[in-house]
Amino acid sequence: MATPTASPPACRLLRVEDAALALGFKRSTAYEEIRRGRLRTVRVGRRRLIPTEYIEEYIDLLKRESD
């Protein structure tokens, strides 16, 4: 009898490139939004990462702006 394998937990910190892909735009657009302060990030060592909740905040910002 095989035991079910647990799926790995969802990644909660995304590279800028992966966050841009998830949001549907290019990496350069993501960096521009970061530079403008609209898309927040965290630093882990020398890496800039985007927590998934910051992506949700950014989407909420876009929704508010479209109203």
PDB file of N, CA and C in Angstrom:
ATOM      1  N   MET A   1       0.841  -1.177   0.000  1.00  0.00           N
ATOM      2  CA  MET A   1       0.000   0.000   0.000  1.00  0.00           C
ATOM      3  C   MET A   1       0.889   1.243   0.000  1.00  0.00           C
ATOM      4  N   ALA A   2       0.718   2.088  -0.995  1.00  0.00           N
ATOM      5  CA  ALA A   2       1.524   3.298  -1.106  1.00  0.00           C
ATOM      6  C   ALA A   2       0.965   4.384  -0.201  1.00  0.00           C
ATOM      7  N   THR A   3       1.864   5.119   0.403  1.00  0.00           N
ATOM      8  CA  THR A   3       1.429   6.238   1.233  1.00  0.00           C
ATOM      9  C   THR A   3       1.409   7.494   0.383  1.00  0.00           C
ATOM     10  N   PRO A   4       0.414   8.331   0.571  1.00  0.00           N
ATOM     11  CA  PRO A   4       0.357   9.564  -0.230  1.00  0.00           C
ATOM     12  C   PRO A   4       1.520  10.478   0.139  1.00  0.00           C
ATOM     13  N   THR A   5       2.074  11.105  -0.860  1.00  0.00           N
ATOM     14  CA  THR A   5       3.162  12.047  -0.608  1.00  0.00           C
ATOM     15  C   THR A   5       2.593  13.437  -0.440  1.00  0.00           C
ATOM     16  N   ALA A   6       3.163  14.165   0.471  1.00  0.00           N
ATOM     17  CA  ALA A   6       2.718  15.534   0.706  1.00  0.00           C
ATOM     18  C   ALA A   6       3.303  16.433  -0.377  1.00  0.00           C
ATOM     19  N   SER A   7       2.501  17.332  -0.870  1.00  0.00           N
ATOM     20  CA  SER A   7       3.020  18.275  -1.856  1.00  0.00           C
ATOM     21  C   SER A   7       3.850  19.329  -1.134  1.00  0.00           C
ATOM     22  N   PRO A   8       4.863  19.839  -1.791  1.00  0.00           N
ATOM     23  CA  PRO A   8       5.696  20.852  -1.136  1.00  0.00           C
ATOM     24  C   PRO A   8       4.889  22.120  -0.883  1.00  0.00           C
ATOM     25  N   PRO A   9       5.237  22.841   0.158  1.00  0.00           N
ATOM     26  CA  PRO A   9       4.495  24.075   0.441  1.00  0.00           C
ATOM     27  C   PRO A   9       4.687  25.088  -0.685  1.00  0.00           C
ATOM     28  N   ALA A  10       3.692  25.900  -0.897  1.00  0.00           N
ATOM     29  CA  ALA A  10       3.775  26.932  -1.935  1.00  0.00           C
ATOM     30  C   ALA A  10       4.849  27.944  -1.544  1.00  0.00           C
ATOM     31  N   CYS A  11       5.592  28.389  -2.517  1.00  0.00           N
ATOM     32  CA  CYS A  11       6.652  29.361  -2.280  1.00  0.00           C
ATOM     33  C   CYS A  11       6.019  30.707  -1.934  1.00  0.00           C
ATOM     34  N   ARG A  12       6.446  31.307  -0.838  1.00  0.00           N
ATOM     35  CA  ARG A  12       5.849  32.569  -0.398  1.00  0.00           C
ATOM     36  C   ARG A  12       6.728  33.772  -0.713  1.00  0.00           C
ATOM     37  N   LEU A  13       7.974  33.529  -1.129  1.00  0.00           N
ATOM     38  CA  LEU A  13       8.870  34.594  -1.548  1.00  0.00           C
ATOM     39  C   LEU A  13       9.275  34.324  -2.991  1.00  0.00           C
ATOM     40  N   LEU A  14       8.951  35.269  -3.861  1.00  0.00           N
ATOM     41  CA  LEU A  14       9.227  35.094  -5.283  1.00  0.00           C
ATOM     42  C   LEU A  14      10.345  36.009  -5.745  1.00  0.00           C
ATOM     43  N   ARG A  15      11.144  35.505  -6.680  1.00  0.00           N
ATOM     44  CA  ARG A  15      12.116  36.376  -7.342  1.00  0.00           C
ATOM     45  C   ARG A  15      11.340  37.404  -8.157  1.00  0.00           C
ATOM     46  N   VAL A  16      11.961  38.515  -8.442  1.00  0.00           N
ATOM     47  CA  VAL A  16      11.292  39.574  -9.203  1.00  0.00           C
ATOM     48  C   VAL A  16      10.823  39.027 -10.548  1.00  0.00           C
ATOM     49  N   GLU A  17      11.639  38.213 -11.183  1.00  0.00           N
ATOM     50  CA  GLU A  17      11.279  37.651 -12.477  1.00  0.00           C
ATOM     51  C   GLU A  17      10.018  36.791 -12.377  1.00  0.00           C
ATOM     52  N   ASP A  18       9.936  35.988 -11.312  1.00  0.00           N
ATOM     53  CA  ASP A  18       8.772  35.115 -11.134  1.00  0.00           C
ATOM     54  C   ASP A  18       7.526  35.911 -10.771  1.00  0.00           C
ATOM     55  N   ALA A  19       7.684  36.954  -9.969  1.00  0.00           N
ATOM     56  CA  ALA A  19       6.543  37.807  -9.623  1.00  0.00           C
ATOM     57  C   ALA A  19       6.024  38.514 -10.874  1.00  0.00           C
ATOM     58  N   ALA A  20       6.939  38.991 -11.716  1.00  0.00           N
ATOM     59  CA  ALA A  20       6.531  39.643 -12.960  1.00  0.00           C
ATOM     60  C   ALA A  20       5.759  38.669 -13.835  1.00  0.00           C
ATOM     61  N   LEU A  21       6.227  37.443 -13.932  1.00  0.00           N
ATOM     62  CA  LEU A  21       5.538  36.430 -14.718  1.00  0.00           C
ATOM     63  C   LEU A  21       4.140  36.177 -14.154  1.00  0.00           C
ATOM     64  N   ALA A  22       4.037  36.090 -12.832  1.00  0.00           N
ATOM     65  CA  ALA A  22       2.738  35.861 -12.190  1.00  0.00           C
ATOM     66  C   ALA A  22       1.782  37.023 -12.432  1.00  0.00           C
ATOM     67  N   LEU A  23       2.336  38.238 -12.511  1.00  0.00           N
ATOM     68  CA  LEU A  23       1.514  39.423 -12.728  1.00  0.00           C
ATOM     69  C   LEU A  23       1.231  39.679 -14.209  1.00  0.00           C
ATOM     70  N   GLY A  24       1.933  38.994 -15.076  1.00  0.00           N
ATOM     71  CA  GLY A  24       1.659  39.109 -16.503  1.00  0.00           C
ATOM     72  C   GLY A  24       2.376  40.242 -17.198  1.00  0.00           C
ATOM     73  N   PHE A  25       3.513  40.684 -16.628  1.00  0.00           N
ATOM     74  CA  PHE A  25       4.298  41.679 -17.344  1.00  0.00           C
ATOM     75  C   PHE A  25       5.775  41.353 -17.285  1.00  0.00           C
ATOM     76  N   LYS A  26       6.584  42.178 -17.954  1.00  0.00           N
ATOM     77  CA  LYS A  26       8.009  41.912 -18.076  1.00  0.00           C
ATOM     78  C   LYS A  26       8.762  42.283 -16.806  1.00  0.00           C
ATOM     79  N   ARG A  27       9.939  41.705 -16.686  1.00  0.00           N
ATOM     80  CA  ARG A  27      10.810  41.953 -15.542  1.00  0.00           C
ATOM     81  C   ARG A  27      11.114  43.442 -15.398  1.00  0.00           C
ATOM     82  N   SER A  28      11.350  44.130 -16.504  1.00  0.00           N
ATOM     83  CA  SER A  28      11.679  45.553 -16.446  1.00  0.00           C
ATOM     84  C   SER A  28      10.516  46.363 -15.879  1.00  0.00           C
ATOM     85  N   THR A  29       9.290  45.969 -16.187  1.00  0.00           N
ATOM     86  CA  THR A  29       8.118  46.643 -15.638  1.00  0.00           C
ATOM     87  C   THR A  29       8.041  46.421 -14.133  1.00  0.00           C
ATOM     88  N   ALA A  30       8.352  45.202 -13.685  1.00  0.00           N
ATOM     89  CA  ALA A  30       8.352  44.910 -12.249  1.00  0.00           C
ATOM     90  C   ALA A  30       9.379  45.780 -11.532  1.00  0.00           C
ATOM     91  N   TYR A  31      10.579  45.883 -12.081  1.00  0.00           N
ATOM     92  CA  TYR A  31      11.608  46.722 -11.456  1.00  0.00           C
ATOM     93  C   TYR A  31      11.202  48.196 -11.446  1.00  0.00           C
ATOM     94  N   GLU A  32      10.516  48.637 -12.474  1.00  0.00           N
ATOM     95  CA  GLU A  32      10.040  50.026 -12.506  1.00  0.00           C
ATOM     96  C   GLU A  32       8.994  50.253 -11.414  1.00  0.00           C
ATOM     97  N   GLU A  33       8.083  49.325 -11.243  1.00  0.00           N
ATOM     98  CA  GLU A  33       7.071  49.447 -10.190  1.00  0.00           C
ATOM     99  C   GLU A  33       7.721  49.406  -8.803  1.00  0.00           C
ATOM    100  N   ILE A  34       8.770  48.620  -8.649  1.00  0.00           N
ATOM    101  CA  ILE A  34       9.525  48.593  -7.384  1.00  0.00           C
ATOM    102  C   ILE A  34      10.195  49.942  -7.165  1.00  0.00           C
ATOM    103  N   ARG A  35      10.841  50.464  -8.189  1.00  0.00           N
ATOM    104  CA  ARG A  35      11.530  51.759  -8.084  1.00  0.00           C
ATOM    105  C   ARG A  35      10.561  52.872  -7.699  1.00  0.00           C
ATOM    106  N   ARG A  36       9.340  52.819  -8.226  1.00  0.00           N
ATOM    107  CA  ARG A  36       8.327  53.836  -7.935  1.00  0.00           C
ATOM    108  C   ARG A  36       7.676  53.639  -6.568  1.00  0.00           C
ATOM    109  N   GLY A  37       7.964  52.506  -5.899  1.00  0.00           N
ATOM    110  CA  GLY A  37       7.405  52.252  -4.577  1.00  0.00           C
ATOM    111  C   GLY A  37       6.024  51.639  -4.605  1.00  0.00           C
ATOM    112  N   ARG A  38       5.581  51.208  -5.753  1.00  0.00           N
ATOM    113  CA  ARG A  38       4.239  50.643  -5.882  1.00  0.00           C
ATOM    114  C   ARG A  38       4.216  49.142  -5.596  1.00  0.00           C
ATOM    115  N   LEU A  39       5.321  48.466  -5.843  1.00  0.00           N
ATOM    116  CA  LEU A  39       5.454  47.034  -5.583  1.00  0.00           C
ATOM    117  C   LEU A  39       6.574  46.872  -4.563  1.00  0.00           C
ATOM    118  N   ARG A  40       6.203  46.429  -3.363  1.00  0.00           N
ATOM    119  CA  ARG A  40       7.177  46.338  -2.279  1.00  0.00           C
ATOM    120  C   ARG A  40       7.971  45.036  -2.351  1.00  0.00           C
ATOM    121  N   THR A  41       9.165  45.063  -1.770  1.00  0.00           N
ATOM    122  CA  THR A  41      10.038  43.896  -1.746  1.00  0.00           C
ATOM    123  C   THR A  41      10.686  43.771  -0.374  1.00  0.00           C
ATOM    124  N   VAL A  42      11.360  42.640  -0.167  1.00  0.00           N
ATOM    125  CA  VAL A  42      12.208  42.442   1.005  1.00  0.00           C
ATOM    126  C   VAL A  42      13.591  42.046   0.505  1.00  0.00           C
ATOM    127  N   ARG A  43      14.593  42.261   1.343  1.00  0.00           N
ATOM    128  CA  ARG A  43      15.947  41.864   1.001  1.00  0.00           C
ATOM    129  C   ARG A  43      16.324  40.660   1.854  1.00  0.00           C
ATOM    130  N   VAL A  44      16.882  39.663   1.211  1.00  0.00           N
ATOM    131  CA  VAL A  44      17.437  38.505   1.896  1.00  0.00           C
ATOM    132  C   VAL A  44      18.859  38.384   1.387  1.00  0.00           C
ATOM    133  N   GLY A  45      19.788  38.835   2.209  1.00  0.00           N
ATOM    134  CA  GLY A  45      21.164  38.935   1.729  1.00  0.00           C
ATOM    135  C   GLY A  45      21.224  39.981   0.633  1.00  0.00           C
ATOM    136  N   ARG A  46      21.718  39.595  -0.523  1.00  0.00           N
ATOM    137  CA  ARG A  46      21.788  40.521  -1.656  1.00  0.00           C
ATOM    138  C   ARG A  46      20.595  40.376  -2.590  1.00  0.00           C
ATOM    139  N   ARG A  47      19.728  39.416  -2.295  1.00  0.00           N
ATOM    140  CA  ARG A  47      18.582  39.149  -3.171  1.00  0.00           C
ATOM    141  C   ARG A  47      17.388  40.016  -2.814  1.00  0.00           C
ATOM    142  N   ARG A  48      16.681  40.464  -3.820  1.00  0.00           N
ATOM    143  CA  ARG A  48      15.424  41.194  -3.657  1.00  0.00           C
ATOM    144  C   ARG A  48      14.305  40.211  -3.974  1.00  0.00           C
ATOM    145  N   LEU A  49      13.435  39.976  -2.981  1.00  0.00           N
ATOM    146  CA  LEU A  49      12.345  39.028  -3.145  1.00  0.00           C
ATOM    147  C   LEU A  49      11.013  39.713  -2.863  1.00  0.00           C
ATOM    148  N   ILE A  50       9.959  39.157  -3.436  1.00  0.00           N
ATOM    149  CA  ILE A  50       8.632  39.733  -3.258  1.00  0.00           C
ATOM    150  C   ILE A  50       7.744  38.705  -2.570  1.00  0.00           C
ATOM    151  N   PRO A  51       7.332  38.993  -1.320  1.00  0.00           N
ATOM    152  CA  PRO A  51       6.389  38.094  -0.650  1.00  0.00           C
ATOM    153  C   PRO A  51       5.058  38.079  -1.394  1.00  0.00           C
ATOM    154  N   THR A  52       4.397  36.942  -1.372  1.00  0.00           N
ATOM    155  CA  THR A  52       3.136  36.820  -2.104  1.00  0.00           C
ATOM    156  C   THR A  52       2.088  37.810  -1.599  1.00  0.00           C
ATOM    157  N   GLU A  53       2.115  38.154  -0.315  1.00  0.00           N
ATOM    158  CA  GLU A  53       1.129  39.131   0.178  1.00  0.00           C
ATOM    159  C   GLU A  53       1.380  40.516  -0.410  1.00  0.00           C
ATOM    160  N   TYR A  54       2.631  40.844  -0.756  1.00  0.00           N
ATOM    161  CA  TYR A  54       2.912  42.120  -1.409  1.00  0.00           C
ATOM    162  C   TYR A  54       2.372  42.123  -2.834  1.00  0.00           C
ATOM    163  N   ILE A  55       2.363  40.974  -3.472  1.00  0.00           N
ATOM    164  CA  ILE A  55       1.766  40.879  -4.804  1.00  0.00           C
ATOM    165  C   ILE A  55       0.268  41.141  -4.706  1.00  0.00           C
ATOM    166  N   GLU A  56      -0.375  40.570  -3.686  1.00  0.00           N
ATOM    167  CA  GLU A  56      -1.806  40.810  -3.480  1.00  0.00           C
ATOM    168  C   GLU A  56      -2.072  42.285  -3.192  1.00  0.00           C
ATOM    169  N   GLU A  57      -1.216  42.927  -2.385  1.00  0.00           N
ATOM    170  CA  GLU A  57      -1.367  44.363  -2.114  1.00  0.00           C
ATOM    171  C   GLU A  57      -1.267  45.167  -3.403  1.00  0.00           C
ATOM    172  N   TYR A  58      -0.329  44.791  -4.270  1.00  0.00           N
ATOM    173  CA  TYR A  58      -0.149  45.491  -5.534  1.00  0.00           C
ATOM    174  C   TYR A  58      -1.386  45.335  -6.418  1.00  0.00           C
ATOM    175  N   ILE A  59      -1.939  44.134  -6.462  1.00  0.00           N
ATOM    176  CA  ILE A  59      -3.157  43.904  -7.245  1.00  0.00           C
ATOM    177  C   ILE A  59      -4.300  44.742  -6.694  1.00  0.00           C
ATOM    178  N   ASP A  60      -4.426  44.818  -5.369  1.00  0.00           N
ATOM    179  CA  ASP A  60      -5.459  45.658  -4.752  1.00  0.00           C
ATOM    180  C   ASP A  60      -5.262  47.126  -5.118  1.00  0.00           C
ATOM    181  N   LEU A  61      -3.999  47.586  -5.154  1.00  0.00           N
ATOM    182  CA  LEU A  61      -3.704  48.961  -5.557  1.00  0.00           C
ATOM    183  C   LEU A  61      -4.185  49.204  -6.987  1.00  0.00           C
ATOM    184  N   LEU A  62      -3.907  48.265  -7.876  1.00  0.00           N
ATOM    185  CA  LEU A  62      -4.340  48.417  -9.263  1.00  0.00           C
ATOM    186  C   LEU A  62      -5.861  48.462  -9.367  1.00  0.00           C
ATOM    187  N   LYS A  63      -6.519  47.654  -8.570  1.00  0.00           N
ATOM    188  CA  LYS A  63      -8.002  47.666  -8.572  1.00  0.00           C
ATOM    189  C   LYS A  63      -8.535  49.000  -8.100  1.00  0.00           C
ATOM    190  N   ARG A  64      -7.958  49.545  -7.014  1.00  0.00           N
ATOM    191  CA  ARG A  64      -8.409  50.848  -6.503  1.00  0.00           C
ATOM    192  C   ARG A  64      -8.179  51.942  -7.532  1.00  0.00           C
ATOM    193  N   GLU A  65      -7.072  51.905  -8.224  1.00  0.00           N
ATOM    194  CA  GLU A  65      -6.774  52.917  -9.225  1.00  0.00           C
ATOM    195  C   GLU A  65      -7.697  52.846 -10.432  1.00  0.00           C
ATOM    196  N   SER A  66      -8.241  51.678 -10.696  1.00  0.00           N
ATOM    197  CA  SER A  66      -9.106  51.553 -11.868  1.00  0.00           C
ATOM    198  C   SER A  66     -10.520  52.030 -11.609  1.00  0.00           C
ATOM    199  N   ASP A  67     -10.864  52.262 -10.341  1.00  0.00           N
ATOM    200  CA  ASP A  67     -12.214  52.741 -10.005  1.00  0.00           C
ATOM    201  C   ASP A  67     -12.414  54.201 -10.304  1.00  0.00           C
TER     202      ASP A  67
END
